[in-house]
C-alpha atoms as a PDB file:
ATOM      1  CA  UNK A   1     194.610 229.117 199.320  1.00  0.00           C
ATOM      2  CA  UNK A   2     195.409 228.989 195.639  1.00  0.00           C
ATOM      3  CA  UNK A   3     194.379 225.981 193.522  1.00  0.00           C
ATOM      4  CA  UNK A   4     195.848 224.885 190.159  1.00  0.00           C
ATOM      5  CA  UNK A   5     193.514 225.717 187.407  1.00  0.00           C
ATOM      6  CA  UNK A   6     193.918 225.652 183.485  1.00  0.00           C
ATOM      7  CA  UNK A   7     194.488 229.439 183.427  1.00  0.00           C
ATOM      8  CA  UNK A   8     196.254 229.491 180.090  1.00  0.00           C
ATOM      9  CA  UNK A   9     193.313 227.934 178.196  1.00  0.00           C
ATOM     10  CA  UNK A  10     191.778 229.679 175.546  1.00  0.00           C
ATOM     11  CA  UNK A  11     189.078 227.214 174.813  1.00  0.00           C
ATOM     12  CA  UNK A  12     186.083 228.866 173.231  1.00  0.00           C
ATOM     13  CA  UNK A  13     187.920 232.107 172.449  1.00  0.00           C
ATOM     14  CA  UNK A  14     188.334 233.675 169.035  1.00  0.00           C
ATOM     15  CA  UNK A  15     191.915 235.101 168.026  1.00  0.00           C
ATOM     16  CA  UNK A  16     192.362 237.396 165.164  1.00  0.00           C
ATOM     17  CA  UNK A  17     196.050 237.610 164.049  1.00  0.00           C
ATOM     18  CA  UNK A  18     197.215 240.097 161.426  1.00  0.00           C
ATOM     19  CA  UNK A  19     200.522 239.387 159.573  1.00  0.00           C
ATOM     20  CA  UNK A  20     199.814 235.863 160.521  1.00  0.00           C
ATOM     21  CA  UNK A  21     200.980 233.837 157.582  1.00  0.00           C
ATOM     22  CA  UNK A  22     204.612 233.729 158.546  1.00  0.00           C
ATOM     23  CA  UNK A  23     207.050 234.755 161.405  1.00  0.00           C
ATOM     24  CA  UNK A  24     205.765 235.882 164.669  1.00  0.00           C
ATOM     25  CA  UNK A  25     202.282 236.035 163.439  1.00  0.00           C
ATOM     26  CA  UNK A  26     202.471 232.393 162.413  1.00  0.00           C
ATOM     27  CA  UNK A  27     204.002 231.415 165.629  1.00  0.00           C
ATOM     28  CA  UNK A  28     201.348 233.023 167.559  1.00  0.00           C
ATOM     29  CA  UNK A  29     198.497 231.362 165.634  1.00  0.00           C
ATOM     30  CA  UNK A  30     200.089 227.918 166.115  1.00  0.00           C
ATOM     31  CA  UNK A  31     200.357 228.334 169.773  1.00  0.00           C
ATOM     32  CA  UNK A  32     197.151 230.177 170.563  1.00  0.00           C
ATOM     33  CA  UNK A  33     195.437 227.291 168.458  1.00  0.00           C
ATOM     34  CA  UNK A  34     197.215 224.619 170.578  1.00  0.00           C
ATOM     35  CA  UNK A  35     195.791 226.353 173.667  1.00  0.00           C
ATOM     36  CA  UNK A  36     192.132 225.978 172.285  1.00  0.00           C
ATOM     37  CA  UNK A  37     191.620 229.122 170.485  1.00  0.00           C
ATOM     38  CA  UNK A  38     189.882 229.485 167.067  1.00  0.00           C
ATOM     39  CA  UNK A  39     192.240 231.613 165.065  1.00  0.00           C
ATOM     40  CA  UNK A  40     191.615 233.936 162.202  1.00  0.00           C
ATOM     41  CA  UNK A  41     194.849 234.524 160.275  1.00  0.00           C
ATOM     42  CA  UNK A  42     194.946 237.853 158.279  1.00  0.00           C
ATOM     43  CA  UNK A  43     197.707 238.581 155.659  1.00  0.00           C
ATOM     44  CA  UNK A  44     198.292 239.840 152.195  1.00  0.00           C
ATOM     45  CA  UNK A  45     200.564 236.718 151.634  1.00  0.00           C
ATOM     46  CA  UNK A  46     198.486 233.893 150.305  1.00  0.00           C
ATOM     47  CA  UNK A  47     200.488 231.303 152.000  1.00  0.00           C
ATOM     48  CA  UNK A  48     198.452 232.074 155.022  1.00  0.00           C
ATOM     49  CA  UNK A  49     195.905 229.886 153.236  1.00  0.00           C
ATOM     50  CA  UNK A  50     198.307 226.937 153.537  1.00  0.00           C
ATOM     51  CA  UNK A  51     199.476 227.629 156.913  1.00  0.00           C
ATOM     52  CA  UNK A  52     195.687 227.603 158.410  1.00  0.00           C
ATOM     53  CA  UNK A  53     195.340 224.375 156.670  1.00  0.00           C
ATOM     54  CA  UNK A  54     198.187 222.711 158.345  1.00  0.00           C
ATOM     55  CA  UNK A  55     196.704 224.071 161.733  1.00  0.00           C
ATOM     56  CA  UNK A  56     193.392 222.388 160.776  1.00  0.00           C
ATOM     57  CA  UNK A  57     195.144 219.195 159.997  1.00  0.00           C
ATOM     58  CA  UNK A  58     196.577 219.079 163.549  1.00  0.00           C
ATOM     59  CA  UNK A  59     192.918 219.062 164.659  1.00  0.00           C
ATOM     60  CA  UNK A  60     192.530 222.786 165.456  1.00  0.00           C
ATOM     61  CA  UNK A  61     190.474 225.424 164.205  1.00  0.00           C
ATOM     62  CA  UNK A  62     191.772 228.047 161.929  1.00  0.00           C
ATOM     63  CA  UNK A  63     190.701 230.110 158.971  1.00  0.00           C
ATOM     64  CA  UNK A  64     192.829 232.374 156.575  1.00  0.00           C
ATOM     65  CA  UNK A  65     191.280 235.819 155.333  1.00  0.00           C
ATOM     66  CA  UNK A  66     193.330 237.796 152.786  1.00  0.00           C
ATOM     67  CA  UNK A  67     193.163 241.438 154.037  1.00  0.00           C
ATOM     68  CA  UNK A  68     195.324 244.551 153.564  1.00  0.00           C
ATOM     69  CA  UNK A  69     195.234 246.062 156.936  1.00  0.00           C
ATOM     70  CA  UNK A  70     195.736 249.528 155.319  1.00  0.00           C
ATOM     71  CA  UNK A  71     192.474 249.305 153.694  1.00  0.00           C
ATOM     72  CA  UNK A  72     189.450 250.383 155.772  1.00  0.00           C
ATOM     73  CA  UNK A  73     186.973 248.684 153.354  1.00  0.00           C
ATOM     74  CA  UNK A  74     189.052 245.317 153.619  1.00  0.00           C
ATOM     75  CA  UNK A  75     189.139 245.243 157.311  1.00  0.00           C
ATOM     76  CA  UNK A  76     185.367 245.951 157.697  1.00  0.00           C
ATOM     77  CA  UNK A  77     184.573 243.116 155.368  1.00  0.00           C
ATOM     78  CA  UNK A  78     187.062 241.041 157.027  1.00  0.00           C
ATOM     79  CA  UNK A  79     185.938 241.721 160.428  1.00  0.00           C
ATOM     80  CA  UNK A  80     181.987 240.898 159.233  1.00  0.00           C
ATOM     81  CA  UNK A  81     183.442 237.644 157.766  1.00  0.00           C
ATOM     82  CA  UNK A  82     184.864 236.608 161.063  1.00  0.00           C
ATOM     83  CA  UNK A  83     181.985 237.294 163.115  1.00  0.00           C
ATOM     84  CA  UNK A  84     180.090 235.278 160.585  1.00  0.00           C
ATOM     85  CA  UNK A  85     182.409 232.424 160.828  1.00  0.00           C
ATOM     86  CA  UNK A  86     183.111 232.238 164.452  1.00  0.00           C
ATOM     87  CA  UNK A  87     180.184 234.642 166.207  1.00  0.00           C
ATOM     88  CA  UNK A  88     182.948 236.620 168.256  1.00  0.00           C
ATOM     89  CA  UNK A  89     186.222 238.062 168.685  1.00  0.00           C
ATOM     90  CA  UNK A  90     187.883 237.795 171.952  1.00  0.00           C
ATOM     91  CA  UNK A  91     191.798 238.401 171.318  1.00  0.00           C
ATOM     92  CA  UNK A  92     193.324 240.657 168.623  1.00  0.00           C
ATOM     93  CA  UNK A  93     197.042 240.400 167.989  1.00  0.00           C
ATOM     94  CA  UNK A  94     197.956 243.489 165.790  1.00  0.00           C
ATOM     95  CA  UNK A  95     201.346 242.052 164.348  1.00  0.00           C
ATOM     96  CA  UNK A  96     201.226 243.263 160.743  1.00  0.00           C
ATOM     97  CA  UNK A  97     204.519 245.228 160.206  1.00  0.00           C
ATOM     98  CA  UNK A  98     207.278 245.972 157.511  1.00  0.00           C
ATOM     99  CA  UNK A  99     210.499 247.845 157.607  1.00  0.00           C
ATOM    100  CA  UNK A 100     212.708 250.021 155.257  1.00  0.00           C
ATOM    101  CA  UNK A 101     216.251 250.357 156.856  1.00  0.00           C
ATOM    102  CA  UNK A 102     216.965 253.951 155.998  1.00  0.00           C
ATOM    103  CA  UNK A 103     217.611 257.326 157.889  1.00  0.00           C
ATOM    104  CA  UNK A 104     215.061 260.277 157.328  1.00  0.00           C
ATOM    105  CA  UNK A 105     217.383 261.786 154.649  1.00  0.00           C
ATOM    106  CA  UNK A 106     217.496 258.608 152.648  1.00  0.00           C
ATOM    107  CA  UNK A 107     213.826 257.632 152.889  1.00  0.00           C
ATOM    108  CA  UNK A 108     211.594 258.323 150.077  1.00  0.00           C
ATOM    109  CA  UNK A 109     208.182 259.675 151.003  1.00  0.00           C
ATOM    110  CA  UNK A 110     206.294 256.454 149.622  1.00  0.00           C
ATOM    111  CA  UNK A 111     208.639 254.334 151.738  1.00  0.00           C
ATOM    112  CA  UNK A 112     207.782 256.195 154.851  1.00  0.00           C
ATOM    113  CA  UNK A 113     203.958 256.127 154.127  1.00  0.00           C
ATOM    114  CA  UNK A 114     204.402 252.313 153.474  1.00  0.00           C
ATOM    115  CA  UNK A 115     205.953 251.533 156.907  1.00  0.00           C
ATOM    116  CA  UNK A 116     203.633 253.914 158.792  1.00  0.00           C
ATOM    117  CA  UNK A 117     200.551 252.510 156.870  1.00  0.00           C
ATOM    118  CA  UNK A 118     201.005 249.041 157.525  1.00  0.00           C
ATOM    119  CA  UNK A 119     202.307 249.118 161.053  1.00  0.00           C
ATOM    120  CA  UNK A 120     200.517 252.083 162.681  1.00  0.00           C
ATOM    121  CA  UNK A 121     197.453 252.773 160.436  1.00  0.00           C
ATOM    122  CA  UNK A 122     197.012 249.085 160.406  1.00  0.00           C
ATOM    123  CA  UNK A 123     197.063 248.702 164.122  1.00  0.00           C
ATOM    124  CA  UNK A 124     194.643 251.742 164.321  1.00  0.00           C
ATOM    125  CA  UNK A 125     192.097 250.453 161.793  1.00  0.00           C
ATOM    126  CA  UNK A 126     192.020 246.675 162.871  1.00  0.00           C
ATOM    127  CA  UNK A 127     191.492 247.820 166.393  1.00  0.00           C
ATOM    128  CA  UNK A 128     188.681 250.383 165.274  1.00  0.00           C
ATOM    129  CA  UNK A 129     186.625 247.529 163.882  1.00  0.00           C
ATOM    130  CA  UNK A 130     187.439 244.889 166.350  1.00  0.00           C
ATOM    131  CA  UNK A 131     186.734 246.712 169.537  1.00  0.00           C
ATOM    132  CA  UNK A 132     183.095 247.132 169.189  1.00  0.00           C
ATOM    133  CA  UNK A 133     182.735 243.360 168.579  1.00  0.00           C
ATOM    134  CA  UNK A 134     184.645 242.945 171.803  1.00  0.00           C
ATOM    135  CA  UNK A 135     182.352 245.394 173.515  1.00  0.00           C
ATOM    136  CA  UNK A 136     179.422 243.262 172.545  1.00  0.00           C
ATOM    137  CA  UNK A 137     181.109 240.213 173.829  1.00  0.00           C
ATOM    138  CA  UNK A 138     181.726 241.762 177.033  1.00  0.00           C
ATOM    139  CA  UNK A 139     185.384 242.583 176.653  1.00  0.00           C
ATOM    140  CA  UNK A 140     188.724 241.095 175.370  1.00  0.00           C
ATOM    141  CA  UNK A 141     192.480 241.273 175.111  1.00  0.00           C
ATOM    142  CA  UNK A 142     194.393 243.282 172.446  1.00  0.00           C
ATOM    143  CA  UNK A 143     198.022 242.745 171.984  1.00  0.00           C
ATOM    144  CA  UNK A 144     200.010 244.985 169.706  1.00  0.00           C
ATOM    145  CA  UNK A 145     203.547 244.312 168.302  1.00  0.00           C
ATOM    146  CA  UNK A 146     205.933 246.974 169.231  1.00  0.00           C
ATOM    147  CA  UNK A 147     209.711 246.574 169.330  1.00  0.00           C
ATOM    148  CA  UNK A 148     212.594 247.323 171.471  1.00  0.00           C
ATOM    149  CA  UNK A 149     213.427 249.842 168.995  1.00  0.00           C
ATOM    150  CA  UNK A 150     210.322 251.567 169.930  1.00  0.00           C
ATOM    151  CA  UNK A 151     211.551 251.933 173.295  1.00  0.00           C
ATOM    152  CA  UNK A 152     215.201 253.081 172.650  1.00  0.00           C
ATOM    153  CA  UNK A 153     215.419 253.620 168.910  1.00  0.00           C
ATOM    154  CA  UNK A 154     217.953 252.152 166.536  1.00  0.00           C
ATOM    155  CA  UNK A 155     219.918 252.864 163.489  1.00  0.00           C
ATOM    156  CA  UNK A 156     219.006 253.374 159.696  1.00  0.00           C
ATOM    157  CA  UNK A 157     215.415 252.650 160.939  1.00  0.00           C
ATOM    158  CA  UNK A 158     213.628 256.023 161.109  1.00  0.00           C
ATOM    159  CA  UNK A 159     210.257 254.958 160.005  1.00  0.00           C
ATOM    160  CA  UNK A 160     210.108 251.755 161.662  1.00  0.00           C
ATOM    161  CA  UNK A 161     211.233 253.392 164.977  1.00  0.00           C
ATOM    162  CA  UNK A 162     208.465 255.738 164.585  1.00  0.00           C
ATOM    163  CA  UNK A 163     205.844 253.242 163.958  1.00  0.00           C
ATOM    164  CA  UNK A 164     207.041 251.018 166.910  1.00  0.00           C
ATOM    165  CA  UNK A 165     207.137 254.164 169.387  1.00  0.00           C
ATOM    166  CA  UNK A 166     203.812 255.010 168.124  1.00  0.00           C
ATOM    167  CA  UNK A 167     202.291 251.496 168.903  1.00  0.00           C
ATOM    168  CA  UNK A 168     203.624 251.522 172.364  1.00  0.00           C
ATOM    169  CA  UNK A 169     202.054 254.908 173.178  1.00  0.00           C
ATOM    170  CA  UNK A 170     198.828 253.986 171.173  1.00  0.00           C
ATOM    171  CA  UNK A 171     198.631 251.003 173.292  1.00  0.00           C
ATOM    172  CA  UNK A 172     198.605 252.896 176.415  1.00  0.00           C
ATOM    173  CA  UNK A 173     196.009 255.260 175.237  1.00  0.00           C
ATOM    174  CA  UNK A 174     193.655 252.355 174.181  1.00  0.00           C
ATOM    175  CA  UNK A 175     194.301 250.777 177.541  1.00  0.00           C
ATOM    176  CA  UNK A 176     192.976 253.884 179.188  1.00  0.00           C
ATOM    177  CA  UNK A 177     189.985 254.307 176.863  1.00  0.00           C
ATOM    178  CA  UNK A 178     188.812 250.643 176.784  1.00  0.00           C
ATOM    179  CA  UNK A 179     189.389 249.478 180.162  1.00  0.00           C
ATOM    180  CA  UNK A 180     186.175 250.302 181.621  1.00  0.00           C
ATOM    181  CA  UNK A 181     184.859 248.047 178.639  1.00  0.00           C
ATOM    182  CA  UNK A 182     186.937 245.076 180.016  1.00  0.00           C
ATOM    183  CA  UNK A 183     189.267 245.319 177.212  1.00  0.00           C
ATOM    184  CA  UNK A 184     192.907 244.879 178.116  1.00  0.00           C
ATOM    185  CA  UNK A 185     195.574 246.336 175.770  1.00  0.00           C
ATOM    186  CA  UNK A 186     199.266 245.629 175.913  1.00  0.00           C
ATOM    187  CA  UNK A 187     202.209 245.704 173.654  1.00  0.00           C
ATOM    188  CA  UNK A 188     204.698 242.861 173.198  1.00  0.00           C
ATOM    189  CA  UNK A 189     208.233 244.297 172.276  1.00  0.00           C
ATOM    190  CA  UNK A 190     210.561 241.820 170.731  1.00  0.00           C
ATOM    191  CA  UNK A 191     214.072 242.137 170.078  1.00  0.00           C
ATOM    192  CA  UNK A 192     215.893 240.655 167.108  1.00  0.00           C
ATOM    193  CA  UNK A 193     213.960 237.449 166.168  1.00  0.00           C
ATOM    194  CA  UNK A 194     214.485 234.876 163.464  1.00  0.00           C
ATOM    195  CA  UNK A 195     212.163 235.932 160.634  1.00  0.00           C
ATOM    196  CA  UNK A 196     212.106 236.624 157.029  1.00  0.00           C
ATOM    197  CA  UNK A 197     211.911 240.318 157.986  1.00  0.00           C
ATOM    198  CA  UNK A 198     215.185 240.348 159.970  1.00  0.00           C
ATOM    199  CA  UNK A 199     216.853 238.447 157.354  1.00  0.00           C
ATOM    200  CA  UNK A 200     215.782 241.281 154.856  1.00  0.00           C
ATOM    201  CA  UNK A 201     216.853 243.899 157.007  1.00  0.00           C
ATOM    202  CA  UNK A 202     220.465 242.395 156.626  1.00  0.00           C
ATOM    203  CA  UNK A 203     220.067 242.476 152.947  1.00  0.00           C
ATOM    204  CA  UNK A 204     218.963 246.114 153.065  1.00  0.00           C
ATOM    205  CA  UNK A 205     221.662 247.232 155.286  1.00  0.00           C
ATOM    206  CA  UNK A 206     224.325 245.367 153.108  1.00  0.00           C
ATOM    207  CA  UNK A 207     225.400 243.231 156.020  1.00  0.00           C
ATOM    208  CA  UNK A 208     223.979 239.957 154.129  1.00  0.00           C
ATOM    209  CA  UNK A 209     225.495 239.059 150.774  1.00  0.00           C
ATOM    210  CA  UNK A 210     225.098 235.260 150.766  1.00  0.00           C
ATOM    211  CA  UNK A 211     224.017 232.353 152.973  1.00  0.00           C
ATOM    212  CA  UNK A 212     227.435 232.466 154.828  1.00  0.00           C
ATOM    213  CA  UNK A 213     226.931 236.316 155.789  1.00  0.00           C
ATOM    214  CA  UNK A 214     223.433 235.763 156.650  1.00  0.00           C
ATOM    215  CA  UNK A 215     224.232 232.979 159.062  1.00  0.00           C
ATOM    216  CA  UNK A 216     226.692 235.256 160.531  1.00  0.00           C
ATOM    217  CA  UNK A 217     224.309 238.078 160.639  1.00  0.00           C
ATOM    218  CA  UNK A 218     221.789 236.203 162.555  1.00  0.00           C
ATOM    219  CA  UNK A 219     224.239 234.947 164.917  1.00  0.00           C
ATOM    220  CA  UNK A 220     225.582 238.484 165.663  1.00  0.00           C
ATOM    221  CA  UNK A 221     222.034 239.579 166.285  1.00  0.00           C
ATOM    222  CA  UNK A 222     221.769 237.214 169.284  1.00  0.00           C
ATOM    223  CA  UNK A 223     225.183 237.343 170.805  1.00  0.00           C
ATOM    224  CA  UNK A 224     225.090 240.923 171.821  1.00  0.00           C
ATOM    225  CA  UNK A 225     222.710 240.500 174.566  1.00  0.00           C
ATOM    226  CA  UNK A 226     222.811 238.764 178.008  1.00  0.00           C
ATOM    227  CA  UNK A 227     221.126 235.584 176.927  1.00  0.00           C
ATOM    228  CA  UNK A 228     223.507 235.207 174.004  1.00  0.00           C
ATOM    229  CA  UNK A 229     221.035 233.973 171.393  1.00  0.00           C
ATOM    230  CA  UNK A 230     218.603 235.304 168.679  1.00  0.00           C
ATOM    231  CA  UNK A 231     214.801 235.319 169.536  1.00  0.00           C
ATOM    232  CA  UNK A 232     212.725 232.698 167.819  1.00  0.00           C
ATOM    233  CA  UNK A 233     208.894 233.141 166.868  1.00  0.00           C
ATOM    234  CA  UNK A 234     207.883 230.815 169.684  1.00  0.00           C
ATOM    235  CA  UNK A 235     209.489 233.069 172.326  1.00  0.00           C
ATOM    236  CA  UNK A 236     207.463 235.895 171.248  1.00  0.00           C
ATOM    237  CA  UNK A 237     204.264 233.691 170.894  1.00  0.00           C
ATOM    238  CA  UNK A 238     204.845 232.658 174.444  1.00  0.00           C
ATOM    239  CA  UNK A 239     204.296 236.325 175.637  1.00  0.00           C
ATOM    240  CA  UNK A 240     201.319 236.723 173.327  1.00  0.00           C
ATOM    241  CA  UNK A 241     199.673 233.564 175.025  1.00  0.00           C
ATOM    242  CA  UNK A 242     200.338 235.329 178.536  1.00  0.00           C
ATOM    243  CA  UNK A 243     198.800 238.484 177.370  1.00  0.00           C
ATOM    244  CA  UNK A 244     195.878 236.700 175.733  1.00  0.00           C
ATOM    245  CA  UNK A 245     194.933 234.616 178.581  1.00  0.00           C
ATOM    246  CA  UNK A 246     193.524 235.277 182.005  1.00  0.00           C
ATOM    247  CA  UNK A 247     196.779 234.726 183.571  1.00  0.00           C
ATOM    248  CA  UNK A 248     197.348 238.433 182.810  1.00  0.00           C
ATOM    249  CA  UNK A 249     194.075 239.363 183.713  1.00  0.00           C
ATOM    250  CA  UNK A 250     195.121 242.531 185.530  1.00  0.00           C
ATOM    251  CA  UNK A 251     197.561 243.701 183.094  1.00  0.00           C
ATOM    252  CA  UNK A 252     196.816 246.417 180.788  1.00  0.00           C
ATOM    253  CA  UNK A 253     198.871 249.343 179.298  1.00  0.00           C
ATOM    254  CA  UNK A 254     201.910 247.400 179.723  1.00  0.00           C
ATOM    255  CA  UNK A 255     204.980 247.171 177.218  1.00  0.00           C
ATOM    256  CA  UNK A 256     206.311 243.890 177.542  1.00  0.00           C
ATOM    257  CA  UNK A 257     209.994 243.337 176.421  1.00  0.00           C
ATOM    258  CA  UNK A 258     211.096 240.046 174.922  1.00  0.00           C
ATOM    259  CA  UNK A 259     214.344 240.450 173.609  1.00  0.00           C
ATOM    260  CA  UNK A 260     216.859 238.351 175.678  1.00  0.00           C
ATOM    261  CA  UNK A 261     217.971 241.215 177.722  1.00  0.00           C
ATOM    262  CA  UNK A 262     218.947 243.521 174.827  1.00  0.00           C
ATOM    263  CA  UNK A 263     217.833 246.874 176.295  1.00  0.00           C
ATOM    264  CA  UNK A 264     218.555 245.837 180.121  1.00  0.00           C
END
């Protein structure tokens, strides 16, 4: 007979979130902290400091660490600082990412490198230095941000699709390698979500020229799917909470799609 228990509780857990100053990362930081996690927000955006302060004012535990995820030196330093502050790392949400909406013909080499370095190299480096900490702790949960476009591809987004496809399969490889160490590794794959990145994509593709066209762009991003709306950061954060908690204790190597049915 099953009995009810607080299986979503993250009390005593420490969560590291890259790209945590805004959008999906911030939504996850707010939700995981609401469920008891101590949250380390990593970002190059200094606004993360203010967001961490807001979380603390709500009676929760959060710290901001300015960190460039493309730099091995900065990541090592930041991971050591998090260990010193919180003593452990139990959850890693590799969420930092950028996009340049161009085809392979249009892309400059430096643009390709930028998207690949932040999204794919950043996931690799942060995992590389956090996993040994998790091993010391006896295990953990890693969630990597993929995308629906990492599973099916999309237009004018060659570098972004390459990154997200790489993340989905890197996730599977990490799950195989580190399962024996009690580390679960999964990817969450959002569809169009109302973030600053999505709004900037509209500008890059020429679909957004003013506030009116931006509102129309965001609406159209949502209606072309069964649930007929755009995603919100909290929709993705809910999936991250599931993968971070004991509710998903036998889930690893999975690519969880959260997109309102966009690739159904």
